Amino acid sequence: MQTITRAQAVEILLAHKFQGSGSIFTVTFIKRTNGERRVMNARFGVHKYVKGVGLAYDPKEHALIGCYDMQKPEGEGYRMIATESIAELKINGEHYVVAA
């Protein structure tokens, strides 16, 4: 287990996203809506259920990273990760804890 900064966690996630591997990762963060701690098994690159409309906002402007939650019913798993509240990250066989 390694301790990293929040900026490093975002860099690792974005590098994984643009790598295009589609492998599954686990991220723990605090939800903005209700302050609940959320553990999500997710992946990037899922396009199966996209309707082609696009988002009404730019996730980067709101410090969000889009992904697909593997634990939700089919077609209902698109979620956003609030980057300012990432607490843990398990990706590519590595476990990272974000320093407070």
Protein backbone atom coordinates (compact mmCIF):
# COMPACT_ATOMS: atom_id res chain seq x y z
CA MET A 1 0.00 0.00 0.00
CA GLN A 2 1.40 3.37 -1.03
CA THR A 3 0.44 6.83 0.19
CA ILE A 4 -0.01 9.37 -2.60
CA THR A 5 -1.40 12.88 -3.01
CA ARG A 6 -4.83 13.57 -4.44
CA ALA A 7 -3.22 15.05 -7.57
CA GLN A 8 -1.25 11.82 -8.06
CA ALA A 9 -4.46 9.79 -7.68
CA VAL A 10 -6.14 11.87 -10.40
CA GLU A 11 -3.08 11.45 -12.65
CA ILE A 12 -3.15 7.67 -12.16
CA LEU A 13 -6.87 7.52 -12.96
CA LEU A 14 -6.56 9.69 -16.06
CA ALA A 15 -3.54 7.74 -17.32
CA HIS A 16 -5.54 4.53 -16.87
CA LYS A 17 -8.53 6.08 -18.64
CA PHE A 18 -6.59 7.15 -21.70
CA GLN A 19 -4.61 3.91 -21.82
CA GLY A 20 -7.76 2.30 -23.17
CA SER A 21 -7.31 -1.01 -21.36
CA GLY A 22 -10.85 -1.17 -19.99
CA SER A 23 -9.61 -3.01 -16.91
CA ILE A 24 -11.58 -2.82 -13.68
CA PHE A 25 -10.45 -0.64 -10.77
CA THR A 26 -11.79 0.23 -7.33
CA VAL A 27 -12.05 3.77 -6.05
CA THR A 28 -13.23 5.04 -2.66
CA PHE A 29 -14.44 8.62 -2.40
CA ILE A 30 -16.93 10.86 -0.58
CA LYS A 31 -20.10 11.63 -2.51
CA ARG A 32 -20.84 15.33 -2.99
CA THR A 33 -24.59 14.90 -2.73
CA ASN A 34 -24.81 13.49 0.78
CA GLY A 35 -21.28 13.08 2.16
CA GLU A 36 -21.56 9.29 2.05
CA ARG A 37 -18.38 7.23 1.66
CA ARG A 38 -18.65 5.32 -1.63
CA VAL A 39 -16.64 2.30 -2.78
CA MET A 40 -17.08 1.71 -6.49
CA ASN A 41 -15.81 -1.07 -8.78
CA ALA A 42 -15.64 0.63 -12.13
CA ARG A 43 -14.03 0.76 -15.52
CA PHE A 44 -13.43 3.25 -18.29
CA GLY A 45 -14.28 2.86 -21.96
CA VAL A 46 -17.80 1.45 -21.71
CA HIS A 47 -19.83 2.81 -24.63
CA LYS A 48 -22.50 0.14 -24.98
CA TYR A 49 -25.39 2.10 -23.45
CA VAL A 50 -24.51 5.59 -24.70
CA LYS A 51 -27.35 7.26 -26.56
CA GLY A 52 -25.14 9.76 -28.41
CA VAL A 53 -26.63 12.85 -26.76
CA GLY A 54 -23.58 13.77 -24.68
CA LEU A 55 -23.33 15.55 -21.37
CA ALA A 56 -24.87 18.95 -20.68
CA TYR A 57 -21.69 20.03 -18.85
CA ASP A 58 -17.93 19.53 -18.92
CA PRO A 59 -16.87 17.15 -16.11
CA LYS A 60 -13.38 18.75 -15.95
CA GLU A 61 -14.93 22.09 -14.96
CA HIS A 62 -16.54 20.37 -11.96
CA ALA A 63 -13.52 18.21 -10.98
CA LEU A 64 -15.26 14.99 -12.06
CA ILE A 65 -14.10 11.87 -13.91
CA GLY A 66 -16.70 9.76 -15.68
CA CYS A 67 -16.67 5.96 -15.47
CA TYR A 68 -18.98 2.95 -15.53
CA ASP A 69 -19.99 1.37 -12.19
CA MET A 70 -19.81 -2.40 -12.61
CA GLN A 71 -22.19 -3.06 -9.69
CA LYS A 72 -25.21 -1.26 -11.16
CA PRO A 73 -27.80 -2.89 -13.43
CA GLU A 74 -26.93 -3.02 -17.14
CA GLY A 75 -27.20 0.38 -18.78
CA GLU A 76 -27.56 2.27 -15.49
CA GLY A 77 -23.94 2.35 -14.37
CA TYR A 78 -22.56 5.63 -15.69
CA ARG A 79 -21.21 7.58 -12.71
CA MET A 80 -18.87 10.46 -11.88
CA ILE A 81 -15.98 10.35 -9.42
CA ALA A 82 -15.50 13.54 -7.38
CA THR A 83 -11.74 14.00 -7.65
CA GLU A 84 -11.36 16.27 -4.62
CA SER A 85 -12.61 13.55 -2.28
CA ILE A 86 -10.76 10.43 -3.49
CA ALA A 87 -9.60 8.44 -0.45
CA GLU A 88 -8.33 5.13 -1.89
CA LEU A 89 -7.56 3.64 -5.26
CA LYS A 90 -6.89 0.04 -6.33
CA ILE A 91 -5.70 -0.11 -9.89
CA ASN A 92 -3.36 -2.34 -11.94
CA GLY A 93 -2.66 -4.51 -8.89
CA GLU A 94 -1.58 -1.55 -6.76
CA HIS A 95 -3.33 -0.18 -3.67
CA TYR A 96 -3.00 3.56 -3.03
CA VAL A 97 -4.18 5.59 -0.04
CA VAL A 98 -4.61 9.31 -0.58
CA ALA A 99 -3.01 11.53 2.07
CA ALA A 100 -5.50 13.84 3.75
